[in-house]
Amino acid sequence: MMKKTTLSATFAALFAVAGYTHADSTVIGSVETDARVYSATQNQSGLLNKQDASFGSVNDSEVIGAVKTDVDVFRATQRQSGLLNRQELNVGSVRDSRVIGAVDTKVRVDSVAQSQSGLLNSQKANIGSVNDSNVIGKVTTKVYARNIRQNQSGLLNRQKMSIGSVD
């Protein structure tokens, strides 16, 4: 029987041979998350800032096996002002990941708000969605959402919202 470190090294080598590059996380097996967020707030102002909020999401990861998330977000708020800022909210989503197996997400969102002002800013909300990912197997998302808002003011800004979609 292989030791755990040898098994992890074997799978890392397998991903390298398949042409995959760096991932923030590598999951082999099963991961379950049960997240409850009652109130989360992020505020920034200035130049070249980045705001990310992820609740029960699979981001920038390699997954072999199963990931199951159950996420409740009652209130999450992001605010930014300035120039060349980026704002992203991920709730129970799969983003920039490679998944072999299954991902099962169940998301309930009561109130999410994003606001930006300034120049050349970018704003994204991914709720129970699959974005820029390679999936072999099955992805199931169940999303119950209300009161989702994005606001921007300024010049040359970009805004995107994905809820329960495959982009």
C-alpha atoms as a PDB file:
ATOM      1  CA  MET A   1       0.000   0.000   0.000  1.00  0.00           C
ATOM      2  CA  MET A   2       1.283   3.487  -0.900  1.00  0.00           C
ATOM      3  CA  LYS A   3       1.876   6.082   1.720  1.00  0.00           C
ATOM      4  CA  LYS A   4      -0.301   9.199   1.529  1.00  0.00           C
ATOM      5  CA  THR A   5       2.608  11.430   0.453  1.00  0.00           C
ATOM      6  CA  THR A   6       3.523   9.008  -2.353  1.00  0.00           C
ATOM      7  CA  LEU A   7      -0.120   8.952  -3.497  1.00  0.00           C
ATOM      8  CA  SER A   8      -0.288  12.768  -3.509  1.00  0.00           C
ATOM      9  CA  ALA A   9       2.979  12.980  -5.424  1.00  0.00           C
ATOM     10  CA  THR A  10       1.652  10.441  -7.942  1.00  0.00           C
ATOM     11  CA  PHE A  11      -1.478  12.504  -8.582  1.00  0.00           C
ATOM     12  CA  ALA A  12       0.552  15.729  -8.793  1.00  0.00           C
ATOM     13  CA  ALA A  13       2.771  14.073 -11.412  1.00  0.00           C
ATOM     14  CA  LEU A  14      -0.346  12.850 -13.240  1.00  0.00           C
ATOM     15  CA  PHE A  15      -1.694  16.419 -13.456  1.00  0.00           C
ATOM     16  CA  ALA A  16       1.702  17.696 -14.654  1.00  0.00           C
ATOM     17  CA  VAL A  17       1.793  15.079 -17.432  1.00  0.00           C
ATOM     18  CA  ALA A  18      -1.786  15.972 -18.428  1.00  0.00           C
ATOM     19  CA  GLY A  19      -0.669  19.590 -18.971  1.00  0.00           C
ATOM     20  CA  TYR A  20      -2.223  21.171 -15.901  1.00  0.00           C
ATOM     21  CA  THR A  21      -0.302  23.851 -14.084  1.00  0.00           C
ATOM     22  CA  HIS A  22      -0.356  25.326 -10.586  1.00  0.00           C
ATOM     23  CA  ALA A  23      -3.489  25.162  -8.447  1.00  0.00           C
ATOM     24  CA  ASP A  24      -4.162  26.868  -5.139  1.00  0.00           C
ATOM     25  CA  SER A  25      -5.596  23.598  -3.762  1.00  0.00           C
ATOM     26  CA  THR A  26      -5.451  19.948  -4.705  1.00  0.00           C
ATOM     27  CA  VAL A  27      -8.210  17.697  -3.364  1.00  0.00           C
ATOM     28  CA  ILE A  28      -8.092  13.918  -3.671  1.00  0.00           C
ATOM     29  CA  GLY A  29     -11.058  12.240  -2.051  1.00  0.00           C
ATOM     30  CA  SER A  30     -14.033  13.959  -0.467  1.00  0.00           C
ATOM     31  CA  VAL A  31     -14.514  17.455   0.967  1.00  0.00           C
ATOM     32  CA  GLU A  32     -17.726  18.643   2.609  1.00  0.00           C
ATOM     33  CA  THR A  33     -18.340  22.212   3.726  1.00  0.00           C
ATOM     34  CA  ASP A  34     -21.277  23.606   5.660  1.00  0.00           C
ATOM     35  CA  ALA A  35     -20.924  27.407   5.758  1.00  0.00           C
ATOM     36  CA  ARG A  36     -23.248  29.930   7.403  1.00  0.00           C
ATOM     37  CA  VAL A  37     -22.403  33.606   6.859  1.00  0.00           C
ATOM     38  CA  TYR A  38     -24.585  36.072   8.722  1.00  0.00           C
ATOM     39  CA  SER A  39     -22.812  39.307   7.878  1.00  0.00           C
ATOM     40  CA  ALA A  40     -19.660  39.921   5.832  1.00  0.00           C
ATOM     41  CA  THR A  41     -18.463  43.335   4.643  1.00  0.00           C
ATOM     42  CA  GLN A  42     -15.457  44.434   2.560  1.00  0.00           C
ATOM     43  CA  ASN A  43     -14.605  48.111   1.912  1.00  0.00           C
ATOM     44  CA  GLN A  44     -11.730  49.560  -0.132  1.00  0.00           C
ATOM     45  CA  SER A  45     -10.724  52.785  -1.771  1.00  0.00           C
ATOM     46  CA  GLY A  46      -7.687  53.658  -3.801  1.00  0.00           C
ATOM     47  CA  LEU A  47      -5.811  52.318  -6.799  1.00  0.00           C
ATOM     48  CA  LEU A  48      -5.261  48.753  -8.118  1.00  0.00           C
ATOM     49  CA  ASN A  49      -7.105  47.047  -5.265  1.00  0.00           C
ATOM     50  CA  LYS A  50      -8.567  43.558  -5.343  1.00  0.00           C
ATOM     51  CA  GLN A  51     -11.486  42.278  -3.274  1.00  0.00           C
ATOM     52  CA  ASP A  52     -12.431  38.575  -3.209  1.00  0.00           C
ATOM     53  CA  ALA A  53     -15.033  36.909  -1.022  1.00  0.00           C
ATOM     54  CA  SER A  54     -15.561  33.160  -1.384  1.00  0.00           C
ATOM     55  CA  PHE A  55     -18.073  31.175   0.640  1.00  0.00           C
ATOM     56  CA  GLY A  56     -18.225  27.390   0.101  1.00  0.00           C
ATOM     57  CA  SER A  57     -16.628  27.682  -3.354  1.00  0.00           C
ATOM     58  CA  VAL A  58     -14.051  25.717  -5.320  1.00  0.00           C
ATOM     59  CA  ASN A  59     -11.611  28.284  -6.774  1.00  0.00           C
ATOM     60  CA  ASP A  60      -8.329  27.721  -8.646  1.00  0.00           C
ATOM     61  CA  SER A  61      -8.252  24.052  -7.619  1.00  0.00           C
ATOM     62  CA  GLU A  62      -7.678  20.503  -8.840  1.00  0.00           C
ATOM     63  CA  VAL A  63     -10.342  18.095  -7.517  1.00  0.00           C
ATOM     64  CA  ILE A  64     -10.433  14.323  -7.910  1.00  0.00           C
ATOM     65  CA  GLY A  65     -13.401  12.852  -6.092  1.00  0.00           C
ATOM     66  CA  ALA A  66     -16.371  14.647  -4.608  1.00  0.00           C
ATOM     67  CA  VAL A  67     -16.914  18.115  -3.184  1.00  0.00           C
ATOM     68  CA  LYS A  68     -20.212  18.881  -1.490  1.00  0.00           C
ATOM     69  CA  THR A  69     -21.043  22.348  -0.173  1.00  0.00           C
ATOM     70  CA  ASP A  70     -24.070  23.671   1.695  1.00  0.00           C
ATOM     71  CA  VAL A  71     -23.894  27.484   1.968  1.00  0.00           C
ATOM     72  CA  ASP A  72     -26.199  30.060   3.577  1.00  0.00           C
ATOM     73  CA  VAL A  73     -25.323  33.739   3.144  1.00  0.00           C
ATOM     74  CA  PHE A  74     -27.644  36.133   4.916  1.00  0.00           C
ATOM     75  CA  ARG A  75     -25.823  39.399   4.141  1.00  0.00           C
ATOM     76  CA  ALA A  76     -22.617  40.070   2.219  1.00  0.00           C
ATOM     77  CA  THR A  77     -21.519  43.526   1.063  1.00  0.00           C
ATOM     78  CA  GLN A  78     -18.534  44.682  -1.014  1.00  0.00           C
ATOM     79  CA  ARG A  79     -17.745  48.375  -1.656  1.00  0.00           C
ATOM     80  CA  GLN A  80     -14.886  49.885  -3.656  1.00  0.00           C
ATOM     81  CA  SER A  81     -13.972  53.259  -5.026  1.00  0.00           C
ATOM     82  CA  GLY A  82     -10.988  54.335  -7.045  1.00  0.00           C
ATOM     83  CA  LEU A  83      -9.147  53.324 -10.187  1.00  0.00           C
ATOM     84  CA  LEU A  84      -8.429  49.897 -11.750  1.00  0.00           C
ATOM     85  CA  ASN A  85     -10.031  47.934  -8.906  1.00  0.00           C
ATOM     86  CA  ARG A  86     -11.387  44.379  -9.068  1.00  0.00           C
ATOM     87  CA  GLN A  87     -14.197  42.965  -6.980  1.00  0.00           C
ATOM     88  CA  GLU A  88     -15.372  39.340  -6.984  1.00  0.00           C
ATOM     89  CA  LEU A  89     -17.895  37.373  -4.924  1.00  0.00           C
ATOM     90  CA  ASN A  90     -18.110  33.555  -5.140  1.00  0.00           C
ATOM     91  CA  VAL A  91     -20.839  31.674  -3.276  1.00  0.00           C
ATOM     92  CA  GLY A  92     -21.041  27.888  -3.781  1.00  0.00           C
ATOM     93  CA  SER A  93     -19.432  28.201  -7.220  1.00  0.00           C
ATOM     94  CA  VAL A  94     -16.744  26.383  -9.208  1.00  0.00           C
ATOM     95  CA  ARG A  95     -14.298  28.885 -10.760  1.00  0.00           C
ATOM     96  CA  ASP A  96     -11.021  28.389 -12.660  1.00  0.00           C
ATOM     97  CA  SER A  97     -10.829  24.748 -11.546  1.00  0.00           C
ATOM     98  CA  ARG A  98     -10.386  21.255 -12.936  1.00  0.00           C
ATOM     99  CA  VAL A  99     -12.830  18.702 -11.512  1.00  0.00           C
ATOM    100  CA  ILE A 100     -12.851  14.948 -12.088  1.00  0.00           C
ATOM    101  CA  GLY A 101     -15.789  13.412 -10.254  1.00  0.00           C
ATOM    102  CA  ALA A 102     -18.702  15.334  -8.800  1.00  0.00           C
ATOM    103  CA  VAL A 103     -19.433  18.725  -7.291  1.00  0.00           C
ATOM    104  CA  ASP A 104     -22.755  19.205  -5.510  1.00  0.00           C
ATOM    105  CA  THR A 105     -23.593  22.713  -4.246  1.00  0.00           C
ATOM    106  CA  LYS A 106     -26.657  23.944  -2.397  1.00  0.00           C
ATOM    107  CA  VAL A 107     -26.767  27.731  -2.018  1.00  0.00           C
ATOM    108  CA  ARG A 108     -29.196  30.030  -0.222  1.00  0.00           C
ATOM    109  CA  VAL A 109     -28.564  33.781  -0.441  1.00  0.00           C
ATOM    110  CA  ASP A 110     -30.736  36.399   1.233  1.00  0.00           C
ATOM    111  CA  SER A 111     -28.902  39.665   0.513  1.00  0.00           C
ATOM    112  CA  VAL A 112     -25.754  40.340  -1.518  1.00  0.00           C
ATOM    113  CA  ALA A 113     -24.688  43.836  -2.623  1.00  0.00           C
ATOM    114  CA  GLN A 114     -21.684  44.996  -4.633  1.00  0.00           C
ATOM    115  CA  SER A 115     -20.960  48.640  -5.376  1.00  0.00           C
ATOM    116  CA  GLN A 116     -18.106  50.390  -7.153  1.00  0.00           C
ATOM    117  CA  SER A 117     -17.324  53.875  -8.287  1.00  0.00           C
ATOM    118  CA  GLY A 118     -14.401  55.112 -10.298  1.00  0.00           C
ATOM    119  CA  LEU A 119     -12.605  54.300 -13.524  1.00  0.00           C
ATOM    120  CA  LEU A 120     -11.775  50.973 -15.235  1.00  0.00           C
ATOM    121  CA  ASN A 121     -13.181  48.797 -12.445  1.00  0.00           C
ATOM    122  CA  SER A 122     -14.397  45.196 -12.717  1.00  0.00           C
ATOM    123  CA  GLN A 123     -17.143  43.530 -10.693  1.00  0.00           C
ATOM    124  CA  LYS A 124     -18.276  39.851 -10.706  1.00  0.00           C
ATOM    125  CA  ALA A 125     -20.796  37.843  -8.709  1.00  0.00           C
ATOM    126  CA  ASN A 126     -20.769  34.042  -9.136  1.00  0.00           C
ATOM    127  CA  ILE A 127     -23.538  32.318  -7.211  1.00  0.00           C
ATOM    128  CA  GLY A 128     -23.896  28.546  -7.649  1.00  0.00           C
ATOM    129  CA  SER A 129     -22.276  28.736 -11.086  1.00  0.00           C
ATOM    130  CA  VAL A 130     -19.485  27.063 -13.042  1.00  0.00           C
ATOM    131  CA  ASN A 131     -17.040  29.590 -14.545  1.00  0.00           C
ATOM    132  CA  ASP A 132     -13.936  28.955 -16.676  1.00  0.00           C
ATOM    133  CA  SER A 133     -13.590  25.356 -15.422  1.00  0.00           C
ATOM    134  CA  ASN A 134     -12.981  21.891 -16.875  1.00  0.00           C
ATOM    135  CA  VAL A 135     -15.394  19.315 -15.465  1.00  0.00           C
ATOM    136  CA  ILE A 136     -15.395  15.577 -16.117  1.00  0.00           C
ATOM    137  CA  GLY A 137     -18.339  14.050 -14.318  1.00  0.00           C
ATOM    138  CA  LYS A 138     -21.256  15.833 -12.745  1.00  0.00           C
ATOM    139  CA  VAL A 139     -21.918  19.288 -11.331  1.00  0.00           C
ATOM    140  CA  THR A 140     -25.236  19.885  -9.572  1.00  0.00           C
ATOM    141  CA  THR A 141     -26.151  23.296  -8.188  1.00  0.00           C
ATOM    142  CA  LYS A 142     -29.307  24.349  -6.384  1.00  0.00           C
ATOM    143  CA  VAL A 143     -29.609  28.096  -5.879  1.00  0.00           C
ATOM    144  CA  TYR A 144     -32.202  30.048  -3.891  1.00  0.00           C
ATOM    145  CA  ALA A 145     -31.413  33.754  -4.158  1.00  0.00           C
ATOM    146  CA  ARG A 146     -33.150  37.050  -3.437  1.00  0.00           C
ATOM    147  CA  ASN A 147     -31.959  40.643  -3.124  1.00  0.00           C
ATOM    148  CA  ILE A 148     -28.833  40.426  -5.295  1.00  0.00           C
ATOM    149  CA  ARG A 149     -27.567  43.890  -6.330  1.00  0.00           C
ATOM    150  CA  GLN A 150     -24.637  45.260  -8.327  1.00  0.00           C
ATOM    151  CA  ASN A 151     -24.055  49.000  -8.682  1.00  0.00           C
ATOM    152  CA  GLN A 152     -21.327  50.824 -10.577  1.00  0.00           C
ATOM    153  CA  SER A 153     -20.678  54.416 -11.462  1.00  0.00           C
ATOM    154  CA  GLY A 154     -17.813  55.947 -13.373  1.00  0.00           C
ATOM    155  CA  LEU A 155     -16.155  55.283 -16.704  1.00  0.00           C
ATOM    156  CA  LEU A 156     -15.182  52.076 -18.583  1.00  0.00           C
ATOM    157  CA  ASN A 157     -16.315  49.732 -15.815  1.00  0.00           C
ATOM    158  CA  ARG A 158     -17.293  46.075 -16.277  1.00  0.00           C
ATOM    159  CA  GLN A 159     -19.961  44.127 -14.401  1.00  0.00           C
ATOM    160  CA  LYS A 160     -20.930  40.424 -14.588  1.00  0.00           C
ATOM    161  CA  MET A 161     -23.377  38.286 -12.601  1.00  0.00           C
ATOM    162  CA  SER A 162     -23.714  34.496 -12.978  1.00  0.00           C
ATOM    163  CA  ILE A 163     -26.324  32.628 -10.945  1.00  0.00           C
ATOM    164  CA  GLY A 164     -26.767  28.870 -11.433  1.00  0.00           C
ATOM    165  CA  SER A 165     -25.153  29.042 -14.869  1.00  0.00           C
ATOM    166  CA  VAL A 166     -22.274  27.489 -16.792  1.00  0.00           C
ATOM    167  CA  ASP A 167     -20.081  30.224 -18.332  1.00  0.00           C
END
